[in-house]
Amino acid sequence: MSPLEKLFGKTAQLTVLEYLMNNKREINYLSGIAQATGLYHSSVARVIDPLLQNNIIIEKKIGKQIRSFYLNEENEVAKLLIKFYDELKLVLDEQSPSPDLETPVVNHE
């Protein structure tokens, strides 16, 4: 389960945002985002609009029909989201029990 999903639940918009934060230095296509996240193409297109309107992501058209997207790392909101996400991952990783440690068995006799 992803860090954002643990706190806020699973939504298409958070799934897309998290994907873009994890791939922030890459150009991403709608179909690639849909395939990587398991969302429908139409769902990705719908939830990307608010991110575009708030300048958190930037769209570049390639040719007449191909839309590509990348995280706008110059945007102050995007910077805060990236910082929050990176710190959240660290905190949640620290709170997760180590796979090497066994869960103690409590005897209720």
PDB file of N, CA and C in Angstrom:
ATOM      1  N   MET A   1       0.853  -1.175   0.000  1.00  0.00           N
ATOM      2  CA  MET A   1       0.000   0.000   0.000  1.00  0.00           C
ATOM      3  C   MET A   1       0.899   1.237   0.000  1.00  0.00           C
ATOM      4  N   SER A   2       0.539   2.200  -0.813  1.00  0.00           N
ATOM      5  CA  SER A   2       1.358   3.405  -0.949  1.00  0.00           C
ATOM      6  C   SER A   2       1.188   4.320   0.263  1.00  0.00           C
ATOM      7  N   PRO A   3       2.155   5.208   0.497  1.00  0.00           N
ATOM      8  CA  PRO A   3       2.047   6.122   1.642  1.00  0.00           C
ATOM      9  C   PRO A   3       0.795   6.997   1.602  1.00  0.00           C
ATOM     10  N   LEU A   4       0.457   7.531   0.438  1.00  0.00           N
ATOM     11  CA  LEU A   4      -0.726   8.386   0.348  1.00  0.00           C
ATOM     12  C   LEU A   4      -1.993   7.578   0.553  1.00  0.00           C
ATOM     13  N   GLU A   5      -2.013   6.374   0.044  1.00  0.00           N
ATOM     14  CA  GLU A   5      -3.184   5.512   0.193  1.00  0.00           C
ATOM     15  C   GLU A   5      -3.407   5.152   1.656  1.00  0.00           C
ATOM     16  N   LYS A   6      -2.330   4.942   2.408  1.00  0.00           N
ATOM     17  CA  LYS A   6      -2.460   4.624   3.835  1.00  0.00           C
ATOM     18  C   LYS A   6      -3.172   5.729   4.593  1.00  0.00           C
ATOM     19  N   LEU A   7      -2.901   6.968   4.226  1.00  0.00           N
ATOM     20  CA  LEU A   7      -3.498   8.093   4.946  1.00  0.00           C
ATOM     21  C   LEU A   7      -4.843   8.541   4.391  1.00  0.00           C
ATOM     22  N   PHE A   8      -4.960   8.584   3.069  1.00  0.00           N
ATOM     23  CA  PHE A   8      -6.117   9.224   2.459  1.00  0.00           C
ATOM     24  C   PHE A   8      -7.047   8.276   1.721  1.00  0.00           C
ATOM     25  N   GLY A   9      -6.699   7.007   1.658  1.00  0.00           N
ATOM     26  CA  GLY A   9      -7.505   6.067   0.891  1.00  0.00           C
ATOM     27  C   GLY A   9      -7.096   6.077  -0.568  1.00  0.00           C
ATOM     28  N   LYS A  10      -7.678   5.172  -1.311  1.00  0.00           N
ATOM     29  CA  LYS A  10      -7.301   5.039  -2.722  1.00  0.00           C
ATOM     30  C   LYS A  10      -8.270   5.839  -3.586  1.00  0.00           C
ATOM     31  N   THR A  11      -7.724   6.834  -4.260  1.00  0.00           N
ATOM     32  CA  THR A  11      -8.507   7.583  -5.234  1.00  0.00           C
ATOM     33  C   THR A  11      -7.699   7.642  -6.523  1.00  0.00           C
ATOM     34  N   ALA A  12      -8.395   7.828  -7.614  1.00  0.00           N
ATOM     35  CA  ALA A  12      -7.704   7.897  -8.910  1.00  0.00           C
ATOM     36  C   ALA A  12      -6.754   9.083  -8.947  1.00  0.00           C
ATOM     37  N   GLN A  13      -7.185  10.219  -8.405  1.00  0.00           N
ATOM     38  CA  GLN A  13      -6.336  11.409  -8.460  1.00  0.00           C
ATOM     39  C   GLN A  13      -5.060  11.225  -7.635  1.00  0.00           C
ATOM     40  N   LEU A  14      -5.169  10.655  -6.446  1.00  0.00           N
ATOM     41  CA  LEU A  14      -3.968  10.401  -5.646  1.00  0.00           C
ATOM     42  C   LEU A  14      -3.068   9.373  -6.329  1.00  0.00           C
ATOM     43  N   THR A  15      -3.662   8.385  -6.955  1.00  0.00           N
ATOM     44  CA  THR A  15      -2.881   7.371  -7.657  1.00  0.00           C
ATOM     45  C   THR A  15      -2.068   8.005  -8.787  1.00  0.00           C
ATOM     46  N   VAL A  16      -2.708   8.875  -9.562  1.00  0.00           N
ATOM     47  CA  VAL A  16      -2.017   9.553 -10.666  1.00  0.00           C
ATOM     48  C   VAL A  16      -0.952  10.499 -10.121  1.00  0.00           C
ATOM     49  N   LEU A  17      -1.283  11.269  -9.098  1.00  0.00           N
ATOM     50  CA  LEU A  17      -0.318  12.203  -8.509  1.00  0.00           C
ATOM     51  C   LEU A  17       0.897  11.457  -7.969  1.00  0.00           C
ATOM     52  N   GLU A  18       0.656  10.372  -7.285  1.00  0.00           N
ATOM     53  CA  GLU A  18       1.763   9.601  -6.737  1.00  0.00           C
ATOM     54  C   GLU A  18       2.632   9.013  -7.857  1.00  0.00           C
ATOM     55  N   TYR A  19       1.996   8.539  -8.902  1.00  0.00           N
ATOM     56  CA  TYR A  19       2.751   8.020 -10.043  1.00  0.00           C
ATOM     57  C   TYR A  19       3.648   9.114 -10.628  1.00  0.00           C
ATOM     58  N   LEU A  20       3.089  10.308 -10.801  1.00  0.00           N
ATOM     59  CA  LEU A  20       3.870  11.404 -11.377  1.00  0.00           C
ATOM     60  C   LEU A  20       5.000  11.843 -10.439  1.00  0.00           C
ATOM     61  N   MET A  21       4.768  11.793  -9.129  1.00  0.00           N
ATOM     62  CA  MET A  21       5.840  12.146  -8.190  1.00  0.00           C
ATOM     63  C   MET A  21       6.955  11.105  -8.228  1.00  0.00           C
ATOM     64  N   ASN A  22       6.590   9.854  -8.400  1.00  0.00           N
ATOM     65  CA  ASN A  22       7.602   8.794  -8.476  1.00  0.00           C
ATOM     66  C   ASN A  22       8.335   8.788  -9.810  1.00  0.00           C
ATOM     67  N   ASN A  23       7.768   9.461 -10.798  1.00  0.00           N
ATOM     68  CA  ASN A  23       8.372   9.527 -12.138  1.00  0.00           C
ATOM     69  C   ASN A  23       8.534  10.983 -12.550  1.00  0.00           C
ATOM     70  N   LYS A  24       8.942  11.811 -11.611  1.00  0.00           N
ATOM     71  CA  LYS A  24       8.925  13.268 -11.817  1.00  0.00           C
ATOM     72  C   LYS A  24       9.900  13.786 -12.861  1.00  0.00           C
ATOM     73  N   ARG A  25      10.889  13.064 -13.192  1.00  0.00           N
ATOM     74  CA  ARG A  25      11.841  13.547 -14.181  1.00  0.00           C
ATOM     75  C   ARG A  25      11.589  12.942 -15.562  1.00  0.00           C
ATOM     76  N   GLU A  26      10.419  12.352 -15.726  1.00  0.00           N
ATOM     77  CA  GLU A  26      10.095  11.694 -16.982  1.00  0.00           C
ATOM     78  C   GLU A  26       8.883  12.345 -17.631  1.00  0.00           C
ATOM     79  N   ILE A  27       8.824  12.268 -18.922  1.00  0.00           N
ATOM     80  CA  ILE A  27       7.634  12.669 -19.659  1.00  0.00           C
ATOM     81  C   ILE A  27       6.703  11.459 -19.654  1.00  0.00           C
ATOM     82  N   ASN A  28       5.460  11.679 -19.306  1.00  0.00           N
ATOM     83  CA  ASN A  28       4.506  10.590 -19.178  1.00  0.00           C
ATOM     84  C   ASN A  28       3.322  10.819 -20.114  1.00  0.00           C
ATOM     85  N   TYR A  29       2.858   9.741 -20.712  1.00  0.00           N
ATOM     86  CA  TYR A  29       1.722   9.802 -21.616  1.00  0.00           C
ATOM     87  C   TYR A  29       0.486   9.269 -20.905  1.00  0.00           C
ATOM     88  N   LEU A  30      -0.686   9.745 -21.318  1.00  0.00           N
ATOM     89  CA  LEU A  30      -1.933   9.286 -20.704  1.00  0.00           C
ATOM     90  C   LEU A  30      -2.029   7.771 -20.691  1.00  0.00           C
ATOM     91  N   SER A  31      -1.772   7.155 -21.821  1.00  0.00           N
ATOM     92  CA  SER A  31      -1.902   5.699 -21.892  1.00  0.00           C
ATOM     93  C   SER A  31      -0.876   5.006 -20.989  1.00  0.00           C
ATOM     94  N   GLY A  32       0.325   5.565 -20.890  1.00  0.00           N
ATOM     95  CA  GLY A  32       1.348   4.985 -20.014  1.00  0.00           C
ATOM     96  C   GLY A  32       0.981   5.109 -18.549  1.00  0.00           C
ATOM     97  N   ILE A  33       0.427   6.258 -18.172  1.00  0.00           N
ATOM     98  CA  ILE A  33      -0.021   6.449 -16.790  1.00  0.00           C
ATOM     99  C   ILE A  33      -1.138   5.475 -16.481  1.00  0.00           C
ATOM    100  N   ALA A  34      -2.088   5.334 -17.408  1.00  0.00           N
ATOM    101  CA  ALA A  34      -3.208   4.413 -17.213  1.00  0.00           C
ATOM    102  C   ALA A  34      -2.705   2.980 -17.041  1.00  0.00           C
ATOM    103  N   GLN A  35      -1.806   2.583 -17.898  1.00  0.00           N
ATOM    104  CA  GLN A  35      -1.283   1.218 -17.828  1.00  0.00           C
ATOM    105  C   GLN A  35      -0.517   0.981 -16.534  1.00  0.00           C
ATOM    106  N   ALA A  36       0.331   1.922 -16.151  1.00  0.00           N
ATOM    107  CA  ALA A  36       1.162   1.751 -14.954  1.00  0.00           C
ATOM    108  C   ALA A  36       0.352   1.772 -13.663  1.00  0.00           C
ATOM    109  N   THR A  37      -0.731   2.537 -13.657  1.00  0.00           N
ATOM    110  CA  THR A  37      -1.530   2.667 -12.430  1.00  0.00           C
ATOM    111  C   THR A  37      -2.705   1.705 -12.368  1.00  0.00           C
ATOM    112  N   GLY A  38      -3.039   1.090 -13.507  1.00  0.00           N
ATOM    113  CA  GLY A  38      -4.184   0.197 -13.528  1.00  0.00           C
ATOM    114  C   GLY A  38      -5.514   0.931 -13.658  1.00  0.00           C
ATOM    115  N   LEU A  39      -5.459   2.217 -13.970  1.00  0.00           N
ATOM    116  CA  LEU A  39      -6.669   3.013 -14.142  1.00  0.00           C
ATOM    117  C   LEU A  39      -7.074   3.035 -15.611  1.00  0.00           C
ATOM    118  N   TYR A  40      -8.341   3.335 -15.839  1.00  0.00           N
ATOM    119  CA  TYR A  40      -8.802   3.504 -17.214  1.00  0.00           C
ATOM    120  C   TYR A  40      -8.258   4.814 -17.768  1.00  0.00           C
ATOM    121  N   HIS A  41      -8.024   4.826 -19.082  1.00  0.00           N
ATOM    122  CA  HIS A  41      -7.550   6.017 -19.785  1.00  0.00           C
ATOM    123  C   HIS A  41      -8.458   7.205 -19.480  1.00  0.00           C
ATOM    124  N   SER A  42      -9.768   6.997 -19.512  1.00  0.00           N
ATOM    125  CA  SER A  42     -10.729   8.081 -19.255  1.00  0.00           C
ATOM    126  C   SER A  42     -10.625   8.599 -17.823  1.00  0.00           C
ATOM    127  N   SER A  43     -10.344   7.721 -16.871  1.00  0.00           N
ATOM    128  CA  SER A  43     -10.185   8.141 -15.474  1.00  0.00           C
ATOM    129  C   SER A  43      -8.956   9.016 -15.306  1.00  0.00           C
ATOM    130  N   VAL A  44      -7.864   8.625 -15.945  1.00  0.00           N
ATOM    131  CA  VAL A  44      -6.634   9.417 -15.874  1.00  0.00           C
ATOM    132  C   VAL A  44      -6.875  10.794 -16.488  1.00  0.00           C
ATOM    133  N   ALA A  45      -7.522  10.831 -17.647  1.00  0.00           N
ATOM    134  CA  ALA A  45      -7.802  12.107 -18.310  1.00  0.00           C
ATOM    135  C   ALA A  45      -8.658  13.007 -17.424  1.00  0.00           C
ATOM    136  N   ARG A  46      -9.622  12.415 -16.724  1.00  0.00           N
ATOM    137  CA  ARG A  46     -10.520  13.195 -15.861  1.00  0.00           C
ATOM    138  C   ARG A  46      -9.781  13.769 -14.652  1.00  0.00           C
ATOM    139  N   VAL A  47      -8.968  12.966 -13.983  1.00  0.00           N
ATOM    140  CA  VAL A  47      -8.334  13.427 -12.744  1.00  0.00           C
ATOM    141  C   VAL A  47      -7.102  14.284 -12.993  1.00  0.00           C
ATOM    142  N   ILE A  48      -6.604  14.281 -14.209  1.00  0.00           N
ATOM    143  CA  ILE A  48      -5.431  15.094 -14.534  1.00  0.00           C
ATOM    144  C   ILE A  48      -5.801  16.576 -14.677  1.00  0.00           C
ATOM    145  N   ASP A  49      -7.048  16.854 -15.055  1.00  0.00           N
ATOM    146  CA  ASP A  49      -7.466  18.242 -15.285  1.00  0.00           C
ATOM    147  C   ASP A  49      -7.248  19.164 -14.084  1.00  0.00           C
ATOM    148  N   PRO A  50      -7.661  18.793 -12.858  1.00  0.00           N
ATOM    149  CA  PRO A  50      -7.393  19.692 -11.723  1.00  0.00           C
ATOM    150  C   PRO A  50      -5.901  19.907 -11.464  1.00  0.00           C
ATOM    151  N   LEU A  51      -5.087  18.884 -11.732  1.00  0.00           N
ATOM    152  CA  LEU A  51      -3.640  19.021 -11.555  1.00  0.00           C
ATOM    153  C   LEU A  51      -3.073  20.001 -12.582  1.00  0.00           C
ATOM    154  N   LEU A  52      -3.618  19.971 -13.791  1.00  0.00           N
ATOM    155  CA  LEU A  52      -3.214  20.926 -14.823  1.00  0.00           C
ATOM    156  C   LEU A  52      -3.669  22.339 -14.469  1.00  0.00           C
ATOM    157  N   GLN A  53      -4.912  22.468 -14.031  1.00  0.00           N
ATOM    158  CA  GLN A  53      -5.467  23.784 -13.696  1.00  0.00           C
ATOM    159  C   GLN A  53      -4.693  24.462 -12.565  1.00  0.00           C
ATOM    160  N   ASN A  54      -4.151  23.662 -11.664  1.00  0.00           N
ATOM    161  CA  ASN A  54      -3.380  24.203 -10.543  1.00  0.00           C
ATOM    162  C   ASN A  54      -1.888  24.257 -10.829  1.00  0.00           C
ATOM    163  N   ASN A  55      -1.507  23.982 -12.089  1.00  0.00           N
ATOM    164  CA  ASN A  55      -0.129  24.069 -12.543  1.00  0.00           C
ATOM    165  C   ASN A  55       0.811  23.116 -11.789  1.00  0.00           C
ATOM    166  N   ILE A  56       0.256  22.047 -11.223  1.00  0.00           N
ATOM    167  CA  ILE A  56       1.063  21.051 -10.530  1.00  0.00           C
ATOM    168  C   ILE A  56       1.751  20.149 -11.551  1.00  0.00           C
ATOM    169  N   ILE A  57       1.068  19.926 -12.650  1.00  0.00           N
ATOM    170  CA  ILE A  57       1.682  19.215 -13.760  1.00  0.00           C
ATOM    171  C   ILE A  57       1.578  20.091 -15.009  1.00  0.00           C
ATOM    172  N   ILE A  58       2.429  19.791 -15.965  1.00  0.00           N
ATOM    173  CA  ILE A  58       2.465  20.539 -17.217  1.00  0.00           C
ATOM    174  C   ILE A  58       2.180  19.562 -18.352  1.00  0.00           C
ATOM    175  N   GLU A  59       1.384  20.027 -19.299  1.00  0.00           N
ATOM    176  CA  GLU A  59       1.067  19.218 -20.471  1.00  0.00           C
ATOM    177  C   GLU A  59       1.833  19.737 -21.670  1.00  0.00           C
ATOM    178  N   LYS A  60       2.364  18.817 -22.436  1.00  0.00           N
ATOM    179  CA  LYS A  60       2.991  19.160 -23.716  1.00  0.00           C
ATOM    180  C   LYS A  60       2.359  18.270 -24.762  1.00  0.00           C
ATOM    181  N   LYS A  61       1.886  18.900 -25.821  1.00  0.00           N
ATOM    182  CA  LYS A  61       1.301  18.123 -26.919  1.00  0.00           C
ATOM    183  C   LYS A  61       2.402  17.739 -27.887  1.00  0.00           C
ATOM    184  N   ILE A  62       2.354  16.496 -28.286  1.00  0.00           N
ATOM    185  CA  ILE A  62       3.298  15.985 -29.267  1.00  0.00           C
ATOM    186  C   ILE A  62       2.468  15.611 -30.489  1.00  0.00           C
ATOM    187  N   GLY A  63       2.645  16.339 -31.534  1.00  0.00           N
ATOM    188  CA  GLY A  63       1.800  16.126 -32.703  1.00  0.00           C
ATOM    189  C   GLY A  63       0.411  16.686 -32.447  1.00  0.00           C
ATOM    190  N   LYS A  64      -0.563  16.115 -33.119  1.00  0.00           N
ATOM    191  CA  LYS A  64      -1.926  16.636 -33.000  1.00  0.00           C
ATOM    192  C   LYS A  64      -2.722  15.998 -31.873  1.00  0.00           C
ATOM    193  N   GLN A  65      -2.413  14.746 -31.523  1.00  0.00           N
ATOM    194  CA  GLN A  65      -3.266  14.048 -30.579  1.00  0.00           C
ATOM    195  C   GLN A  65      -2.578  13.510 -29.333  1.00  0.00           C
ATOM    196  N   ILE A  66      -1.286  13.435 -29.336  1.00  0.00           N
ATOM    197  CA  ILE A  66      -0.582  12.819 -28.206  1.00  0.00           C
ATOM    198  C   ILE A  66      -0.342  13.867 -27.121  1.00  0.00           C
ATOM    199  N   ARG A  67      -0.827  13.560 -25.920  1.00  0.00           N
ATOM    200  CA  ARG A  67      -0.640  14.442 -24.768  1.00  0.00           C
ATOM    201  C   ARG A  67       0.412  13.827 -23.848  1.00  0.00           C
ATOM    202  N   SER A  68       1.366  14.631 -23.432  1.00  0.00           N
ATOM    203  CA  SER A  68       2.358  14.161 -22.469  1.00  0.00           C
ATOM    204  C   SER A  68       2.334  15.079 -21.256  1.00  0.00           C
ATOM    205  N   PHE A  69       2.740  14.537 -20.114  1.00  0.00           N
ATOM    206  CA  PHE A  69       2.646  15.261 -18.848  1.00  0.00           C
ATOM    207  C   PHE A  69       3.906  15.055 -18.030  1.00  0.00           C
ATOM    208  N   TYR A  70       4.237  16.068 -17.273  1.00  0.00           N
ATOM    209  CA  TYR A  70       5.304  15.909 -16.295  1.00  0.00           C
ATOM    210  C   TYR A  70       5.030  16.818 -15.113  1.00  0.00           C
ATOM    211  N   LEU A  71       5.591  16.441 -13.982  1.00  0.00           N
ATOM    212  CA  LEU A  71       5.412  17.204 -12.756  1.00  0.00           C
ATOM    213  C   LEU A  71       6.120  18.542 -12.881  1.00  0.00           C
ATOM    214  N   ASN A  72       5.446  19.608 -12.505  1.00  0.00           N
ATOM    215  CA  ASN A  72       6.021  20.948 -12.558  1.00  0.00           C
ATOM    216  C   ASN A  72       6.799  21.200 -11.267  1.00  0.00           C
ATOM    217  N   GLU A  73       8.053  20.849 -11.272  1.00  0.00           N
ATOM    218  CA  GLU A  73       8.864  20.954 -10.057  1.00  0.00           C
ATOM    219  C   GLU A  73       9.186  22.397  -9.672  1.00  0.00           C
ATOM    220  N   GLU A  74       8.807  23.358 -10.499  1.00  0.00           N
ATOM    221  CA  GLU A  74       8.996  24.776 -10.170  1.00  0.00           C
ATOM    222  C   GLU A  74       7.796  25.341  -9.416  1.00  0.00           C
ATOM    223  N   ASN A  75       6.675  24.653  -9.462  1.00  0.00           N
ATOM    224  CA  ASN A  75       5.452  25.095  -8.800  1.00  0.00           C
ATOM    225  C   ASN A  75       5.580  24.886  -7.295  1.00  0.00           C
ATOM    226  N   GLU A  76       5.223  25.915  -6.514  1.00  0.00           N
ATOM    227  CA  GLU A  76       5.374  25.842  -5.050  1.00  0.00           C
ATOM    228  C   GLU A  76       4.515  24.739  -4.439  1.00  0.00           C
ATOM    229  N   VAL A  77       3.309  24.555  -4.942  1.00  0.00           N
ATOM    230  CA  VAL A  77       2.440  23.494  -4.416  1.00  0.00           C
ATOM    231  C   VAL A  77       3.051  22.129  -4.722  1.00  0.00           C
ATOM    232  N   ALA A  78       3.544  21.958  -5.930  1.00  0.00           N
ATOM    233  CA  ALA A  78       4.179  20.693  -6.297  1.00  0.00           C
ATOM    234  C   ALA A  78       5.407  20.432  -5.420  1.00  0.00           C
ATOM    235  N   LYS A  79       6.193  21.476  -5.159  1.00  0.00           N
ATOM    236  CA  LYS A  79       7.361  21.318  -4.280  1.00  0.00           C
ATOM    237  C   LYS A  79       6.944  20.842  -2.894  1.00  0.00           C
ATOM    238  N   LEU A  80       5.875  21.439  -2.357  1.00  0.00           N
ATOM    239  CA  LEU A  80       5.382  21.032  -1.034  1.00  0.00           C
ATOM    240  C   LEU A  80       4.869  19.596  -1.052  1.00  0.00           C
ATOM    241  N   LEU A  81       4.159  19.234  -2.109  1.00  0.00           N
ATOM    242  CA  LEU A  81       3.647  17.866  -2.223  1.00  0.00           C
ATOM    243  C   LEU A  81       4.787  16.854  -2.289  1.00  0.00           C
ATOM    244  N   ILE A  82       5.812  17.169  -3.059  1.00  0.00           N
ATOM    245  CA  ILE A  82       6.967  16.269  -3.175  1.00  0.00           C
ATOM    246  C   ILE A  82       7.661  16.129  -1.820  1.00  0.00           C
ATOM    247  N   LYS A  83       7.863  17.239  -1.141  1.00  0.00           N
ATOM    248  CA  LYS A  83       8.510  17.204   0.180  1.00  0.00           C
ATOM    249  C   LYS A  83       7.673  16.394   1.164  1.00  0.00           C
ATOM    250  N   PHE A  84       6.368  16.647   1.181  1.00  0.00           N
ATOM    251  CA  PHE A  84       5.463  15.911   2.065  1.00  0.00           C
ATOM    252  C   PHE A  84       5.511  14.417   1.754  1.00  0.00           C
ATOM    253  N   TYR A  85       5.441  14.085   0.482  1.00  0.00           N
ATOM    254  CA  TYR A  85       5.440  12.684   0.067  1.00  0.00           C
ATOM    255  C   TYR A  85       6.741  11.981   0.461  1.00  0.00           C
ATOM    256  N   ASP A  86       7.874  12.626   0.203  1.00  0.00           N
ATOM    257  CA  ASP A  86       9.166  12.031   0.550  1.00  0.00           C
ATOM    258  C   ASP A  86       9.307  11.835   2.056  1.00  0.00           C
ATOM    259  N   GLU A  87       8.879  12.828   2.838  1.00  0.00           N
ATOM    260  CA  GLU A  87       8.969  12.712   4.297  1.00  0.00           C
ATOM    261  C   GLU A  87       7.976  11.682   4.835  1.00  0.00           C
ATOM    262  N   LEU A  88       6.803  11.618   4.228  1.00  0.00           N
ATOM    263  CA  LEU A  88       5.802  10.642   4.633  1.00  0.00           C
ATOM    264  C   LEU A  88       6.313   9.219   4.420  1.00  0.00           C
ATOM    265  N   LYS A  89       6.960   8.980   3.292  1.00  0.00           N
ATOM    266  CA  LYS A  89       7.527   7.652   3.023  1.00  0.00           C
ATOM    267  C   LYS A  89       8.532   7.278   4.107  1.00  0.00           C
ATOM    268  N   LEU A  90       9.384   8.229   4.480  1.00  0.00           N
ATOM    269  CA  LEU A  90      10.389   7.944   5.511  1.00  0.00           C
ATOM    270  C   LEU A  90       9.745   7.608   6.848  1.00  0.00           C
ATOM    271  N   VAL A  91       8.769   8.396   7.257  1.00  0.00           N
ATOM    272  CA  VAL A  91       8.108   8.169   8.547  1.00  0.00           C
ATOM    273  C   VAL A  91       7.383   6.828   8.552  1.00  0.00           C
ATOM    274  N   LEU A  92       6.649   6.536   7.495  1.00  0.00           N
ATOM    275  CA  LEU A  92       5.912   5.274   7.446  1.00  0.00           C
ATOM    276  C   LEU A  92       6.849   4.081   7.371  1.00  0.00           C
ATOM    277  N   ASP A  93       7.984   4.234   6.691  1.00  0.00           N
ATOM    278  CA  ASP A  93       8.968   3.150   6.648  1.00  0.00           C
ATOM    279  C   ASP A  93       9.550   2.889   8.025  1.00  0.00           C
ATOM    280  N   GLU A  94       9.771   3.951   8.793  1.00  0.00           N
ATOM    281  CA  GLU A  94      10.307   3.800  10.150  1.00  0.00           C
ATOM    282  C   GLU A  94       9.299   3.127  11.067  1.00  0.00           C
ATOM    283  N   GLN A  95       8.010   3.365  10.831  1.00  0.00           N
ATOM    284  CA  GLN A  95       6.969   2.797  11.679  1.00  0.00           C
ATOM    285  C   GLN A  95       6.643   1.352  11.328  1.00  0.00           C
ATOM    286  N   SER A  96       6.998   0.937  10.125  1.00  0.00           N
ATOM    287  CA  SER A  96       6.705  -0.432   9.695  1.00  0.00           C
ATOM    288  C   SER A  96       7.621  -1.389  10.438  1.00  0.00           C
ATOM    289  N   PRO A  97       7.057  -2.497  10.913  1.00  0.00           N
ATOM    290  CA  PRO A  97       7.910  -3.477  11.588  1.00  0.00           C
ATOM    291  C   PRO A  97       8.887  -4.091  10.600  1.00  0.00           C
ATOM    292  N   SER A  98      10.081  -4.350  11.082  1.00  0.00           N
ATOM    293  CA  SER A  98      11.102  -4.960  10.244  1.00  0.00           C
ATOM    294  C   SER A  98      10.683  -6.382   9.893  1.00  0.00           C
ATOM    295  N   PRO A  99      10.863  -6.799   8.650  1.00  0.00           N
ATOM    296  CA  PRO A  99      10.486  -8.168   8.277  1.00  0.00           C
ATOM    297  C   PRO A  99      11.320  -9.218   9.004  1.00  0.00           C
ATOM    298  N   ASP A 100      12.466  -8.808   9.554  1.00  0.00           N
ATOM    299  CA  ASP A 100      13.321  -9.748  10.276  1.00  0.00           C
ATOM    300  C   ASP A 100      12.813 -10.008  11.687  1.00  0.00           C
ATOM    301  N   LEU A 101      11.993  -9.100  12.192  1.00  0.00           N
ATOM    302  CA  LEU A 101      11.491  -9.267  13.554  1.00  0.00           C
ATOM    303  C   LEU A 101      10.205 -10.049  13.534  1.00  0.00           C
ATOM    304  N   GLU A 102      10.121 -11.011  14.420  1.00  0.00           N
ATOM    305  CA  GLU A 102       8.893 -11.785  14.516  1.00  0.00           C
ATOM    306  C   GLU A 102       7.914 -11.044  15.408  1.00  0.00           C
ATOM    307  N   THR A 103       6.639 -11.209  15.116  1.00  0.00           N
ATOM    308  CA  THR A 103       5.604 -10.624  15.961  1.00  0.00           C
ATOM    309  C   THR A 103       5.547 -11.443  17.239  1.00  0.00           C
ATOM    310  N   PRO A 104       5.611 -10.770  18.399  1.00  0.00           N
ATOM    311  CA  PRO A 104       5.583 -11.529  19.648  1.00  0.00           C
ATOM    312  C   PRO A 104       4.241 -12.218  19.831  1.00  0.00           C
ATOM    313  N   VAL A 105       4.298 -13.411  20.346  1.00  0.00           N
ATOM    314  CA  VAL A 105       3.086 -14.186  20.623  1.00  0.00           C
ATOM    315  C   VAL A 105       2.676 -13.908  22.049  1.00  0.00           C
ATOM    316  N   VAL A 106       1.420 -13.531  22.226  1.00  0.00           N
ATOM    317  CA  VAL A 106       0.914 -13.228  23.570  1.00  0.00           C
ATOM    318  C   VAL A 106       0.117 -14.433  24.027  1.00  0.00           C
ATOM    319  N   ASN A 107       0.480 -14.969  25.159  1.00  0.00           N
ATOM    320  CA  ASN A 107      -0.216 -16.114  25.715  1.00  0.00           C
ATOM    321  C   ASN A 107      -1.269 -15.605  26.686  1.00  0.00           C
ATOM    322  N   HIS A 108      -2.531 -15.919  26.430  1.00  0.00           N
ATOM    323  CA  HIS A 108      -3.631 -15.438  27.267  1.00  0.00           C
ATOM    324  C   HIS A 108      -4.152 -16.527  28.202  1.00  0.00           C
ATOM    325  N   GLU A 109      -3.298 -17.291  28.796  1.00  0.00           N
ATOM    326  CA  GLU A 109      -3.744 -18.366  29.692  1.00  0.00           C
ATOM    327  C   GLU A 109      -4.077 -17.836  31.044  1.00  0.00           C
TER     328      GLU A 109
END
